[in-house]
PDB file of N, CA and C in Angstrom:
ATOM      1  N   MET A   1     -15.536 101.643  76.231  1.00  0.00           N
ATOM      2  CA  MET A   1     -15.402 102.055  74.639  1.00  0.00           C
ATOM      3  C   MET A   1     -14.461 101.032  74.470  1.00  0.00           C
ATOM      4  N   GLU A   2     -13.513  99.760  75.104  1.00  0.00           N
ATOM      5  CA  GLU A   2     -12.938  99.312  74.722  1.00  0.00           C
ATOM      6  C   GLU A   2     -13.664  98.244  74.010  1.00  0.00           C
ATOM      7  N   THR A   3     -14.976  97.902  74.774  1.00  0.00           N
ATOM      8  CA  THR A   3     -15.697  96.490  74.982  1.00  0.00           C
ATOM      9  C   THR A   3     -16.452  97.090  73.380  1.00  0.00           C
ATOM     10  N   THR A   4     -16.861  98.399  73.113  1.00  0.00           N
ATOM     11  CA  THR A   4     -17.402  98.446  71.994  1.00  0.00           C
ATOM     12  C   THR A   4     -16.546  98.237  70.903  1.00  0.00           C
ATOM     13  N   HIS A   5     -15.531  98.332  71.206  1.00  0.00           N
ATOM     14  CA  HIS A   5     -14.353  98.447  69.590  1.00  0.00           C
ATOM     15  C   HIS A   5     -14.167  97.049  69.440  1.00  0.00           C
ATOM     16  N   THR A   6     -14.299  95.970  70.466  1.00  0.00           N
ATOM     17  CA  THR A   6     -14.146  94.286  70.338  1.00  0.00           C
ATOM     18  C   THR A   6     -15.581  94.175  69.598  1.00  0.00           C
ATOM     19  N   LEU A   7     -16.591  94.158  70.064  1.00  0.00           N
ATOM     20  CA  LEU A   7     -17.923  93.936  69.330  1.00  0.00           C
ATOM     21  C   LEU A   7     -18.088  93.843  68.330  1.00  0.00           C
ATOM     22  N   LEU A   8     -17.213  95.598  67.740  1.00  0.00           N
ATOM     23  CA  LEU A   8     -17.582  95.857  66.289  1.00  0.00           C
ATOM     24  C   LEU A   8     -16.922  94.995  65.559  1.00  0.00           C
ATOM     25  N   PHE A   9     -15.142  94.622  66.015  1.00  0.00           N
ATOM     26  CA  PHE A   9     -14.410  94.166  65.302  1.00  0.00           C
ATOM     27  C   PHE A   9     -14.685  92.678  65.179  1.00  0.00           C
ATOM     28  N   VAL A  10     -15.280  91.794  66.170  1.00  0.00           N
ATOM     29  CA  VAL A  10     -15.854  90.756  66.146  1.00  0.00           C
ATOM     30  C   VAL A  10     -16.701  90.258  64.646  1.00  0.00           C
ATOM     31  N   LEU A  11     -18.020  91.695  64.752  1.00  0.00           N
ATOM     32  CA  LEU A  11     -18.833  91.955  63.953  1.00  0.00           C
ATOM     33  C   LEU A  11     -18.423  91.987  62.314  1.00  0.00           C
ATOM     34  N   GLN A  12     -17.318  92.398  62.411  1.00  0.00           N
ATOM     35  CA  GLN A  12     -16.464  92.842  61.214  1.00  0.00           C
ATOM     36  C   GLN A  12     -15.940  91.047  60.596  1.00  0.00           C
ATOM     37  N   VAL A  13     -15.518  90.521  61.512  1.00  0.00           N
ATOM     38  CA  VAL A  13     -14.763  89.040  60.796  1.00  0.00           C
ATOM     39  C   VAL A  13     -15.993  88.903  60.451  1.00  0.00           C
ATOM     40  N   LEU A  14     -17.175  88.678  61.536  1.00  0.00           N
ATOM     41  CA  LEU A  14     -17.814  87.688  61.307  1.00  0.00           C
ATOM     42  C   LEU A  14     -19.169  87.754  59.570  1.00  0.00           C
ATOM     43  N   VAL A  15     -19.156  89.122  59.240  1.00  0.00           N
ATOM     44  CA  VAL A  15     -20.017  89.492  58.208  1.00  0.00           C
ATOM     45  C   VAL A  15     -18.608  89.498  57.000  1.00  0.00           C
ATOM     46  N   ALA A  16     -17.438  89.899  57.340  1.00  0.00           N
ATOM     47  CA  ALA A  16     -16.644  89.026  56.332  1.00  0.00           C
ATOM     48  C   ALA A  16     -16.748  87.897  55.661  1.00  0.00           C
ATOM     49  N   VAL A  17     -16.109  86.833  56.981  1.00  0.00           N
ATOM     50  CA  VAL A  17     -16.673  85.524  56.689  1.00  0.00           C
ATOM     51  C   VAL A  17     -18.061  85.278  55.614  1.00  0.00           C
ATOM     52  N   ALA A  18     -19.331  85.767  56.301  1.00  0.00           N
ATOM     53  CA  ALA A  18     -20.405  85.200  55.328  1.00  0.00           C
ATOM     54  C   ALA A  18     -20.582  85.967  54.260  1.00  0.00           C
ATOM     55  N   LEU A  19     -19.732  87.439  53.883  1.00  0.00           N
ATOM     56  CA  LEU A  19     -19.787  87.423  52.382  1.00  0.00           C
ATOM     57  C   LEU A  19     -18.763  86.973  52.012  1.00  0.00           C
ATOM     58  N   ILE A  20     -17.992  86.528  51.953  1.00  0.00           N
ATOM     59  CA  ILE A  20     -16.962  85.849  51.386  1.00  0.00           C
ATOM     60  C   ILE A  20     -18.032  84.085  51.128  1.00  0.00           C
ATOM     61  N   VAL A  21     -18.496  84.038  51.785  1.00  0.00           N
ATOM     62  CA  VAL A  21     -18.974  83.072  51.585  1.00  0.00           C
ATOM     63  C   VAL A  21     -20.441  82.616  51.007  1.00  0.00           C
ATOM     64  N   LEU A  22     -21.177  83.791  50.966  1.00  0.00           N
ATOM     65  CA  LEU A  22     -21.803  83.885  49.778  1.00  0.00           C
ATOM     66  C   LEU A  22     -21.633  84.578  47.992  1.00  0.00           C
ATOM     67  N   ILE A  23     -20.272  84.911  48.394  1.00  0.00           N
ATOM     68  CA  ILE A  23     -20.269  85.228  47.258  1.00  0.00           C
ATOM     69  C   ILE A  23     -19.728  84.003  46.558  1.00  0.00           C
ATOM     70  N   LEU A  24     -19.148  82.742  47.193  1.00  0.00           N
ATOM     71  CA  LEU A  24     -18.530  81.784  46.528  1.00  0.00           C
ATOM     72  C   LEU A  24     -19.531  81.067  46.231  1.00  0.00           C
ATOM     73  N   ILE A  25     -20.461  81.045  47.388  1.00  0.00           N
ATOM     74  CA  ILE A  25     -21.939  80.304  46.653  1.00  0.00           C
ATOM     75  C   ILE A  25     -22.607  80.350  45.324  1.00  0.00           C
ATOM     76  N   GLN A  26     -22.843  81.855  45.378  1.00  0.00           N
ATOM     77  CA  GLN A  26     -23.607  82.561  44.044  1.00  0.00           C
ATOM     78  C   GLN A  26     -23.023  82.045  42.564  1.00  0.00           C
ATOM     79  N   HIS A  27     -23.893  81.813  42.011  1.00  0.00           N
ATOM     80  CA  HIS A  27     -23.573  81.515  40.543  1.00  0.00           C
ATOM     81  C   HIS A  27     -23.415  82.549  39.718  1.00  0.00           C
ATOM     82  N   GLY A  28     -22.113  82.425  38.825  1.00  0.00           N
ATOM     83  CA  GLY A  28     -22.118  84.021  38.050  1.00  0.00           C
ATOM     84  C   GLY A  28     -23.020  83.918  36.718  1.00  0.00           C
ATOM     85  N   LYS A  29     -22.828  85.179  35.970  1.00  0.00           N
ATOM     86  CA  LYS A  29     -23.544  85.225  34.833  1.00  0.00           C
ATOM     87  C   LYS A  29     -23.481  84.192  33.490  1.00  0.00           C
ATOM     88  N   GLY A  30     -22.226  83.452  33.513  1.00  0.00           N
ATOM     89  CA  GLY A  30     -22.578  82.361  32.709  1.00  0.00           C
ATOM     90  C   GLY A  30     -22.714  81.061  32.823  1.00  0.00           C
ATOM     91  N   ALA A  31     -23.508  81.435  33.967  1.00  0.00           N
ATOM     92  CA  ALA A  31     -23.850  79.789  34.679  1.00  0.00           C
ATOM     93  C   ALA A  31     -24.979  79.721  34.258  1.00  0.00           C
ATOM     94  N   ASP A  32     -26.602  80.050  33.915  1.00  0.00           N
ATOM     95  CA  ASP A  32     -27.740  80.229  33.252  1.00  0.00           C
ATOM     96  C   ASP A  32     -27.326  79.139  31.865  1.00  0.00           C
ATOM     97  N   ALA A  33     -26.530  79.934  30.926  1.00  0.00           N
ATOM     98  CA  ALA A  33     -26.313  79.257  29.734  1.00  0.00           C
ATOM     99  C   ALA A  33     -25.502  77.842  30.192  1.00  0.00           C
ATOM    100  N   GLY A  34     -24.883  77.714  30.705  1.00  0.00           N
ATOM    101  CA  GLY A  34     -24.682  76.285  31.017  1.00  0.00           C
ATOM    102  C   GLY A  34     -25.761  75.296  31.451  1.00  0.00           C
ATOM    103  N   ALA A  35     -26.642  75.688  32.456  1.00  0.00           N
ATOM    104  CA  ALA A  35     -28.015  74.710  32.920  1.00  0.00           C
ATOM    105  C   ALA A  35     -28.895  74.394  31.695  1.00  0.00           C
ATOM    106  N   ALA A  36     -28.729  75.330  30.416  1.00  0.00           N
ATOM    107  CA  ALA A  36     -29.659  75.476  29.684  1.00  0.00           C
ATOM    108  C   ALA A  36     -28.971  74.031  28.881  1.00  0.00           C
ATOM    109  N   PHE A  37     -27.742  73.834  28.272  1.00  0.00           N
ATOM    110  CA  PHE A  37     -27.273  72.858  27.986  1.00  0.00           C
ATOM    111  C   PHE A  37     -27.562  71.757  28.384  1.00  0.00           C
ATOM    112  N   GLY A  38     -27.746  71.609  30.128  1.00  0.00           N
ATOM    113  CA  GLY A  38     -27.891  70.891  30.403  1.00  0.00           C
ATOM    114  C   GLY A  38     -26.675  69.843  31.582  1.00  0.00           C
ATOM    115  N   SER A  39     -25.758  70.676  31.325  1.00  0.00           N
ATOM    116  CA  SER A  39     -24.174  70.676  32.098  1.00  0.00           C
ATOM    117  C   SER A  39     -24.855  70.786  34.392  1.00  0.00           C
ATOM    118  N   GLY A  40     -25.800  71.382  34.363  1.00  0.00           N
ATOM    119  CA  GLY A  40     -26.495  71.530  35.247  1.00  0.00           C
ATOM    120  C   GLY A  40     -27.736  71.654  35.654  1.00  0.00           C
ATOM    121  N   SER A  41     -27.863  71.926  36.536  1.00  0.00           N
ATOM    122  CA  SER A  41     -29.959  71.639  37.180  1.00  0.00           C
ATOM    123  C   SER A  41     -29.784  73.528  37.922  1.00  0.00           C
ATOM    124  N   SER A  42     -31.065  73.522  37.042  1.00  0.00           N
ATOM    125  CA  SER A  42     -31.098  74.939  37.924  1.00  0.00           C
ATOM    126  C   SER A  42     -31.673  75.046  39.544  1.00  0.00           C
ATOM    127  N   ALA A  43     -31.449  76.608  39.675  1.00  0.00           N
ATOM    128  CA  ALA A  43     -31.121  76.090  41.728  1.00  0.00           C
ATOM    129  C   ALA A  43     -32.875  76.617  42.125  1.00  0.00           C
ATOM    130  N   THR A  44     -33.740  75.688  41.835  1.00  0.00           N
ATOM    131  CA  THR A  44     -35.216  75.897  42.260  1.00  0.00           C
ATOM    132  C   THR A  44     -35.101  75.837  43.944  1.00  0.00           C
ATOM    133  N   VAL A  45     -34.184  75.718  44.595  1.00  0.00           N
ATOM    134  CA  VAL A  45     -34.430  75.441  46.254  1.00  0.00           C
ATOM    135  C   VAL A  45     -34.953  76.653  46.674  1.00  0.00           C
ATOM    136  N   PHE A  46     -34.444  77.824  46.408  1.00  0.00           N
ATOM    137  CA  PHE A  46     -35.112  79.346  46.896  1.00  0.00           C
ATOM    138  C   PHE A  46     -36.345  79.789  46.152  1.00  0.00           C
ATOM    139  N   GLY A  47     -37.129  78.805  44.997  1.00  0.00           N
ATOM    140  CA  GLY A  47     -38.129  79.510  44.447  1.00  0.00           C
ATOM    141  C   GLY A  47     -38.299  79.681  42.950  1.00  0.00           C
ATOM    142  N   SER A  48     -39.127  80.234  42.369  1.00  0.00           N
ATOM    143  CA  SER A  48     -39.073  79.771  40.722  1.00  0.00           C
ATOM    144  C   SER A  48     -38.046  81.274  40.318  1.00  0.00           C
ATOM    145  N   SER A  49     -37.897  81.775  41.020  1.00  0.00           N
ATOM    146  CA  SER A  49     -37.154  82.551  40.223  1.00  0.00           C
ATOM    147  C   SER A  49     -35.390  82.061  40.603  1.00  0.00           C
ATOM    148  N   GLY A  50     -35.341  81.359  41.438  1.00  0.00           N
ATOM    149  CA  GLY A  50     -33.746  80.956  41.851  1.00  0.00           C
ATOM    150  C   GLY A  50     -33.211  81.932  42.980  1.00  0.00           C
ATOM    151  N   SER A  51     -31.908  81.465  43.382  1.00  0.00           N
ATOM    152  CA  SER A  51     -31.497  82.161  44.667  1.00  0.00           C
ATOM    153  C   SER A  51     -30.313  83.296  43.963  1.00  0.00           C
ATOM    154  N   SER A  52     -30.809  84.048  42.917  1.00  0.00           N
ATOM    155  CA  SER A  52     -30.169  85.232  42.471  1.00  0.00           C
ATOM    156  C   SER A  52     -30.418  85.966  43.162  1.00  0.00           C
ATOM    157  N   SER A  53     -31.815  86.324  42.811  1.00  0.00           N
ATOM    158  CA  SER A  53     -32.507  87.596  44.051  1.00  0.00           C
ATOM    159  C   SER A  53     -31.868  87.692  45.499  1.00  0.00           C
ATOM    160  N   PHE A  54     -32.359  86.600  45.971  1.00  0.00           N
ATOM    161  CA  PHE A  54     -32.310  86.077  48.077  1.00  0.00           C
ATOM    162  C   PHE A  54     -31.287  86.359  48.282  1.00  0.00           C
ATOM    163  N   LEU A  55     -30.201  85.928  47.281  1.00  0.00           N
ATOM    164  CA  LEU A  55     -28.407  85.847  47.548  1.00  0.00           C
ATOM    165  C   LEU A  55     -27.856  87.019  47.431  1.00  0.00           C
ATOM    166  N   THR A  56     -28.648  87.883  46.118  1.00  0.00           N
ATOM    167  CA  THR A  56     -28.282  89.243  46.028  1.00  0.00           C
ATOM    168  C   THR A  56     -28.911  90.323  46.788  1.00  0.00           C
ATOM    169  N   LYS A  57     -29.651  90.274  47.297  1.00  0.00           N
ATOM    170  CA  LYS A  57     -30.059  90.973  48.222  1.00  0.00           C
ATOM    171  C   LYS A  57     -29.464  90.999  49.853  1.00  0.00           C
ATOM    172  N   LEU A  58     -28.791  89.847  50.259  1.00  0.00           N
ATOM    173  CA  LEU A  58     -28.551  89.116  51.512  1.00  0.00           C
ATOM    174  C   LEU A  58     -26.915  89.833  50.956  1.00  0.00           C
ATOM    175  N   THR A  59     -26.777  89.267  49.972  1.00  0.00           N
ATOM    176  CA  THR A  59     -25.156  89.896  49.786  1.00  0.00           C
ATOM    177  C   THR A  59     -25.028  91.762  49.834  1.00  0.00           C
ATOM    178  N   THR A  60     -25.823  92.307  49.594  1.00  0.00           N
ATOM    179  CA  THR A  60     -25.919  93.972  49.518  1.00  0.00           C
ATOM    180  C   THR A  60     -26.354  94.254  50.824  1.00  0.00           C
ATOM    181  N   ALA A  61     -27.291  93.510  51.701  1.00  0.00           N
ATOM    182  CA  ALA A  61     -27.225  93.725  52.841  1.00  0.00           C
ATOM    183  C   ALA A  61     -26.206  93.446  54.258  1.00  0.00           C
ATOM    184  N   LEU A  62     -25.450  92.596  53.416  1.00  0.00           N
ATOM    185  CA  LEU A  62     -24.561  92.348  54.422  1.00  0.00           C
ATOM    186  C   LEU A  62     -22.946  93.251  54.197  1.00  0.00           C
ATOM    187  N   ALA A  63     -23.103  93.706  52.714  1.00  0.00           N
ATOM    188  CA  ALA A  63     -21.946  94.777  52.163  1.00  0.00           C
ATOM    189  C   ALA A  63     -22.401  95.580  52.731  1.00  0.00           C
ATOM    190  N   VAL A  64     -23.725  96.554  52.882  1.00  0.00           N
ATOM    191  CA  VAL A  64     -23.406  97.986  53.535  1.00  0.00           C
ATOM    192  C   VAL A  64     -23.226  97.524  54.753  1.00  0.00           C
ATOM    193  N   ILE A  65     -23.679  96.089  55.755  1.00  0.00           N
ATOM    194  CA  ILE A  65     -23.578  96.357  57.453  1.00  0.00           C
ATOM    195  C   ILE A  65     -22.098  96.297  57.225  1.00  0.00           C
ATOM    196  N   PHE A  66     -21.296  95.802  56.284  1.00  0.00           N
ATOM    197  CA  PHE A  66     -19.687  95.982  56.267  1.00  0.00           C
ATOM    198  C   PHE A  66     -19.175  96.891  56.292  1.00  0.00           C
ATOM    199  N   LEU A  67     -19.578  97.620  55.522  1.00  0.00           N
ATOM    200  CA  LEU A  67     -19.167  99.285  55.279  1.00  0.00           C
ATOM    201  C   LEU A  67     -19.780 100.338  56.229  1.00  0.00           C
ATOM    202  N   GLY A  68     -20.958 100.376  57.099  1.00  0.00           N
ATOM    203  CA  GLY A  68     -21.566 100.956  57.967  1.00  0.00           C
ATOM    204  C   GLY A  68     -20.139 100.654  59.146  1.00  0.00           C
ATOM    205  N   ASN A  69     -19.827  99.011  59.434  1.00  0.00           N
ATOM    206  CA  ASN A  69     -19.262  99.451  60.382  1.00  0.00           C
ATOM    207  C   ASN A  69     -17.849  99.483  60.284  1.00  0.00           C
ATOM    208  N   SER A  70     -17.227  99.081  59.027  1.00  0.00           N
ATOM    209  CA  SER A  70     -15.634  99.850  58.906  1.00  0.00           C
ATOM    210  C   SER A  70     -15.575 101.197  59.055  1.00  0.00           C
ATOM    211  N   LEU A  71     -16.432 102.402  58.732  1.00  0.00           N
ATOM    212  CA  LEU A  71     -16.400 103.794  59.428  1.00  0.00           C
ATOM    213  C   LEU A  71     -16.443 103.784  60.900  1.00  0.00           C
ATOM    214  N   MET A  72     -17.687 102.988  61.500  1.00  0.00           N
ATOM    215  CA  MET A  72     -17.687 103.140  62.899  1.00  0.00           C
ATOM    216  C   MET A  72     -16.404 102.693  63.485  1.00  0.00           C
ATOM    217  N   LEU A  73     -15.813 101.818  62.967  1.00  0.00           N
ATOM    218  CA  LEU A  73     -14.608 101.434  63.863  1.00  0.00           C
ATOM    219  C   LEU A  73     -13.082 102.590  63.025  1.00  0.00           C
ATOM    220  N   ALA A  74     -13.534 102.825  62.300  1.00  0.00           N
ATOM    221  CA  ALA A  74     -12.195 104.112  62.010  1.00  0.00           C
ATOM    222  C   ALA A  74     -12.559 105.001  63.006  1.00  0.00           C
ATOM    223  N   TYR A  75     -13.820 105.301  62.343  1.00  0.00           N
ATOM    224  CA  TYR A  75     -13.832 106.426  63.746  1.00  0.00           C
ATOM    225  C   TYR A  75     -13.861 106.431  65.142  1.00  0.00           C
ATOM    226  N   LEU A  76     -14.009 105.189  65.451  1.00  0.00           N
ATOM    227  CA  LEU A  76     -13.430 104.956  66.999  1.00  0.00           C
ATOM    228  C   LEU A  76     -11.868 105.168  67.428  1.00  0.00           C
ATOM    229  N   ALA A  77     -11.377 104.563  65.933  1.00  0.00           N
ATOM    230  CA  ALA A  77      -9.585 104.449  65.807  1.00  0.00           C
ATOM    231  C   ALA A  77      -9.058 105.914  66.470  1.00  0.00           C
ATOM    232  N   THR A  78      -9.563 106.889  65.916  1.00  0.00           N
ATOM    233  CA  THR A  78      -9.783 108.119  65.900  1.00  0.00           C
ATOM    234  C   THR A  78      -9.670 108.666  66.735  1.00  0.00           C
ATOM    235  N   GLN A  79     -10.877 108.575  67.720  1.00  0.00           N
ATOM    236  CA  GLN A  79     -10.871 108.942  68.783  1.00  0.00           C
ATOM    237  C   GLN A  79     -10.096 108.538  70.011  1.00  0.00           C
ATOM    238  N   SER A  80     -10.179 107.051  69.833  1.00  0.00           N
ATOM    239  CA  SER A  80      -8.476 106.679  70.560  1.00  0.00           C
ATOM    240  C   SER A  80      -7.483 107.158  70.661  1.00  0.00           C
ATOM    241  N   ILE A  81      -6.794 107.760  68.935  1.00  0.00           N
ATOM    242  CA  ILE A  81      -5.657 108.375  68.896  1.00  0.00           C
ATOM    243  C   ILE A  81      -5.433 110.033  69.577  1.00  0.00           C
ATOM    244  N   GLN A  82      -6.579 110.525  69.086  1.00  0.00           N
ATOM    245  CA  GLN A  82      -6.611 111.731  69.745  1.00  0.00           C
ATOM    246  C   GLN A  82      -6.337 112.189  71.001  1.00  0.00           C
ATOM    247  N   THR A  83      -6.791 111.247  72.036  1.00  0.00           N
ATOM    248  CA  THR A  83      -6.721 111.379  73.383  1.00  0.00           C
ATOM    249  C   THR A  83      -5.626 111.111  73.835  1.00  0.00           C
ATOM    250  N   ALA A  84      -4.636 110.475  73.153  1.00  0.00           N
ATOM    251  CA  ALA A  84      -3.548 109.370  73.504  1.00  0.00           C
ATOM    252  C   ALA A  84      -2.283 111.060  73.313  1.00  0.00           C
ATOM    253  N   PRO A  85      -1.550 110.558  74.684  1.00  0.00           N
ATOM    254  CA  PRO A  85      -0.521 111.976  73.622  1.00  0.00           C
ATOM    255  C   PRO A  85       0.384 111.412  72.640  1.00  0.00           C
ATOM    256  N   THR A  86       0.140 112.332  71.623  1.00  0.00           N
ATOM    257  CA  THR A  86       1.288 112.003  70.642  1.00  0.00           C
ATOM    258  C   THR A  86       2.784 111.900  70.728  1.00  0.00           C
ATOM    259  N   SER A  87       3.550 112.912  71.717  1.00  0.00           N
ATOM    260  CA  SER A  87       4.993 113.201  71.916  1.00  0.00           C
ATOM    261  C   SER A  87       5.477 113.472  73.120  1.00  0.00           C
ATOM    262  N   LEU A  88       6.540 113.047  73.386  1.00  0.00           N
ATOM    263  CA  LEU A  88       6.459 113.447  75.042  1.00  0.00           C
ATOM    264  C   LEU A  88       7.253 114.737  74.984  1.00  0.00           C
ATOM    265  N   LEU A  89       7.372 115.522  73.679  1.00  0.00           N
ATOM    266  CA  LEU A  89       7.902 116.756  73.255  1.00  0.00           C
ATOM    267  C   LEU A  89       6.368 117.656  74.002  1.00  0.00           C
ATOM    268  N   ASP A  90       5.050 117.118  73.606  1.00  0.00           N
ATOM    269  CA  ASP A  90       3.800 118.096  73.780  1.00  0.00           C
ATOM    270  C   ASP A  90       3.565 117.840  75.616  1.00  0.00           C
ATOM    271  N   GLN A  91       4.014 117.015  75.933  1.00  0.00           N
ATOM    272  CA  GLN A  91       3.756 117.290  77.784  1.00  0.00           C
ATOM    273  C   GLN A  91       4.615 118.533  78.414  1.00  0.00           C
ATOM    274  N   PRO A  92       4.170 118.842  79.322  1.00  0.00           N
ATOM    275  CA  PRO A  92       5.021 119.789  79.694  1.00  0.00           C
ATOM    276  C   PRO A  92       6.470 119.179  80.826  1.00  0.00           C
ATOM    277  N   GLY A  93       7.292 120.179  80.715  1.00  0.00           N
ATOM    278  CA  GLY A  93       8.308 119.797  81.142  1.00  0.00           C
ATOM    279  C   GLY A  93       8.732 119.987  82.800  1.00  0.00           C
ATOM    280  N   ILE A  94       9.744 118.948  83.450  1.00  0.00           N
ATOM    281  CA  ILE A  94       9.707 119.271  84.862  1.00  0.00           C
ATOM    282  C   ILE A  94      10.835 119.683  84.628  1.00  0.00           C
ATOM    283  N   ILE A  95      10.687 120.884  85.728  1.00  0.00           N
ATOM    284  CA  ILE A  95      11.749 122.157  86.043  1.00  0.00           C
ATOM    285  C   ILE A  95      12.673 121.722  87.297  1.00  0.00           C
ATOM    286  N   PHE A  96      13.781 121.463  87.297  1.00  0.00           N
ATOM    287  CA  PHE A  96      14.266 120.906  88.666  1.00  0.00           C
ATOM    288  C   PHE A  96      15.060 122.086  89.704  1.00  0.00           C
ATOM    289  N   GLU A  97      15.075 122.609  90.581  1.00  0.00           N
ATOM    290  CA  GLU A  97      15.440 123.758  90.837  1.00  0.00           C
ATOM    291  C   GLU A  97      17.031 123.216  91.463  1.00  0.00           C
ATOM    292  N   GLN A  98      17.915 123.733  90.989  1.00  0.00           N
ATOM    293  CA  GLN A  98      19.347 123.629  91.671  1.00  0.00           C
ATOM    294  C   GLN A  98      19.909 124.479  92.660  1.00  0.00           C
ATOM    295  N   GLU A  99      20.530 123.741  93.704  1.00  0.00           N
ATOM    296  CA  GLU A  99      20.959 124.533  94.465  1.00  0.00           C
ATOM    297  C   GLU A  99      22.099 125.586  94.008  1.00  0.00           C
ATOM    298  N   THR A 100      22.466 126.779  93.603  1.00  0.00           N
ATOM    299  CA  THR A 100      23.807 127.361  93.436  1.00  0.00           C
ATOM    300  C   THR A 100      24.204 127.416  95.123  1.00  0.00           C
ATOM    301  N   VAL A 101      25.740 126.971  94.244  1.00  0.00           N
ATOM    302  CA  VAL A 101      26.541 127.155  95.771  1.00  0.00           C
ATOM    303  C   VAL A 101      27.385 128.500  95.175  1.00  0.00           C
ATOM    304  N   GLU A 102      27.483 129.212  95.881  1.00  0.00           N
ATOM    305  CA  GLU A 102      28.320 130.789  95.630  1.00  0.00           C
ATOM    306  C   GLU A 102      29.963 129.998  97.213  1.00  0.00           C
ATOM    307  N   GLN A 103      30.463 130.557  96.258  1.00  0.00           N
ATOM    308  CA  GLN A 103      31.823 130.216  97.009  1.00  0.00           C
ATOM    309  C   GLN A 103      32.719 131.639  96.713  1.00  0.00           C
ATOM    310  N   ASP A 104      33.433 132.134  97.364  1.00  0.00           N
ATOM    311  CA  ASP A 104      33.852 133.274  97.197  1.00  0.00           C
ATOM    312  C   ASP A 104      35.810 132.851  96.738  1.00  0.00           C
ATOM    313  N   ILE A 105      35.430 133.018  95.771  1.00  0.00           N
ATOM    314  CA  ILE A 105      37.207 132.846  94.768  1.00  0.00           C
ATOM    315  C   ILE A 105      38.306 133.339  95.709  1.00  0.00           C
ATOM    316  N   PRO A 106      38.204 134.340  96.459  1.00  0.00           N
ATOM    317  CA  PRO A 106      39.221 135.057  97.049  1.00  0.00           C
ATOM    318  C   PRO A 106      40.370 134.278  97.984  1.00  0.00           C
ATOM    319  N   ALA A 107      38.451 133.230  98.522  1.00  0.00           N
ATOM    320  CA  ALA A 107      39.229 132.945  99.912  1.00  0.00           C
ATOM    321  C   ALA A 107      39.525 131.385  99.289  1.00  0.00           C
ATOM    322  N   ILE A 108      38.748 130.947  98.278  1.00  0.00           N
ATOM    323  CA  ILE A 108      39.276 129.502  97.449  1.00  0.00           C
ATOM    324  C   ILE A 108      40.885 129.903  97.394  1.00  0.00           C
ATOM    325  N   ILE A 109      42.071 131.008  97.061  1.00  0.00           N
ATOM    326  CA  ILE A 109      43.199 131.166  95.716  1.00  0.00           C
ATOM    327  C   ILE A 109      43.713 131.559  97.878  1.00  0.00           C
ATOM    328  N   GLU A 110      42.956 131.763  98.596  1.00  0.00           N
ATOM    329  CA  GLU A 110      44.012 131.914  99.945  1.00  0.00           C
ATOM    330  C   GLU A 110      43.796 130.382 100.726  1.00  0.00           C
ATOM    331  N   GLN A 111      42.847 129.738 100.405  1.00  0.00           N
ATOM    332  CA  GLN A 111      43.299 128.595 101.077  1.00  0.00           C
ATOM    333  C   GLN A 111      44.234 127.595  99.896  1.00  0.00           C
ATOM    334  N   GLN A 112      44.395 127.898  98.923  1.00  0.00           N
ATOM    335  CA  GLN A 112      45.330 126.771  98.384  1.00  0.00           C
ATOM    336  C   GLN A 112      46.698 127.664  98.240  1.00  0.00           C
ATOM    337  N   ASN A 113      46.715 129.329  98.584  1.00  0.00           N
ATOM    338  CA  ASN A 113      47.874 129.745  99.410  1.00  0.00           C
ATOM    339  C   ASN A 113      48.571 129.339 100.673  1.00  0.00           C
ATOM    340  N   ASP A 114      47.921 128.926 100.761  1.00  0.00           N
ATOM    341  CA  ASP A 114      47.996 128.233 102.816  1.00  0.00           C
ATOM    342  C   ASP A 114      48.714 126.875 102.895  1.00  0.00           C
ATOM    343  N   GLN A 115      48.463 126.254 101.777  1.00  0.00           N
ATOM    344  CA  GLN A 115      48.582 124.814 101.527  1.00  0.00           C
ATOM    345  C   GLN A 115      50.226 124.787 101.228  1.00  0.00           C
ATOM    346  N   LEU A 116      50.675 124.867 101.849  1.00  0.00           N
ATOM    347  CA  LEU A 116      52.335 125.291 101.310  1.00  0.00           C
ATOM    348  C   LEU A 116      52.892 123.786 101.625  1.00  0.00           C
ATOM    349  N   ASP A 117      52.486 123.098 102.133  1.00  0.00           N
ATOM    350  CA  ASP A 117      53.036 121.417 102.286  1.00  0.00           C
ATOM    351  C   ASP A 117      52.692 120.289 101.064  1.00  0.00           C
ATOM    352  N   SER A 118      51.624 121.327 100.318  1.00  0.00           N
ATOM    353  CA  SER A 118      51.310 120.397  98.869  1.00  0.00           C
ATOM    354  C   SER A 118      52.350 120.182  97.727  1.00  0.00           C
ATOM    355  N   ASP A 119      52.854 119.227  97.209  1.00  0.00           N
ATOM    356  CA  ASP A 119      54.060 118.830  96.071  1.00  0.00           C
ATOM    357  C   ASP A 119      53.783 119.339  94.817  1.00  0.00           C
ATOM    358  N   LEU A 120      52.299 120.410  94.392  1.00  0.00           N
ATOM    359  CA  LEU A 120      51.746 120.804  93.634  1.00  0.00           C
ATOM    360  C   LEU A 120      51.942 122.158  93.167  1.00  0.00           C
ATOM    361  N   PRO A 121      52.589 122.434  92.106  1.00  0.00           N
ATOM    362  CA  PRO A 121      52.744 124.146  92.438  1.00  0.00           C
ATOM    363  C   PRO A 121      51.306 125.108  92.646  1.00  0.00           C
ATOM    364  N   ARG A 122      51.308 125.984  93.014  1.00  0.00           N
ATOM    365  CA  ARG A 122      50.491 126.965  92.893  1.00  0.00           C
ATOM    366  C   ARG A 122      49.758 127.708  92.271  1.00  0.00           C
ATOM    367  N   LEU A 123      48.595 127.697  91.967  1.00  0.00           N
ATOM    368  CA  LEU A 123      47.816 128.432  90.652  1.00  0.00           C
ATOM    369  C   LEU A 123      48.454 129.956  90.956  1.00  0.00           C
ATOM    370  N   PRO A 124      48.449 130.409  90.237  1.00  0.00           N
ATOM    371  CA  PRO A 124      48.804 132.196  89.746  1.00  0.00           C
ATOM    372  C   PRO A 124      47.934 133.284  90.481  1.00  0.00           C
ATOM    373  N   ALA A 125      47.814 133.402  91.077  1.00  0.00           N
ATOM    374  CA  ALA A 125      47.004 134.378  91.139  1.00  0.00           C
ATOM    375  C   ALA A 125      46.061 135.823  90.833  1.00  0.00           C
ATOM    376  N   GLN A 126      45.442 136.245  90.629  1.00  0.00           N
ATOM    377  CA  GLN A 126      45.198 137.100  89.372  1.00  0.00           C
ATOM    378  C   GLN A 126      44.645 138.446  90.455  1.00  0.00           C
TER     379      GLN A 126
END
């Protein structure tokens, strides 16, 4: 699961860089008007139609891959969040059993009454 996530993330970065480069390489709509007046040469490297159709198709294909990859990464991220515990309150608590020490209260009062050597005053018996 983790390797799939890593591979998709690397693909996402590579496609994003390729999209940026392709978009910067392409000519704008006003480039043809500039070439008509002699300020630039026509792009005949990719054929008689120029580079517009090839680069446009390649950009479209990379954009579709980028979108699909983004959706897949988002899906994987939500699946990993659902499997993780969301809060400590969602987990069952641990209950510790305490030993209750029951002492006989009259016996404690008698022990205090027996301690006549003490400098402290005795508690009144009820």
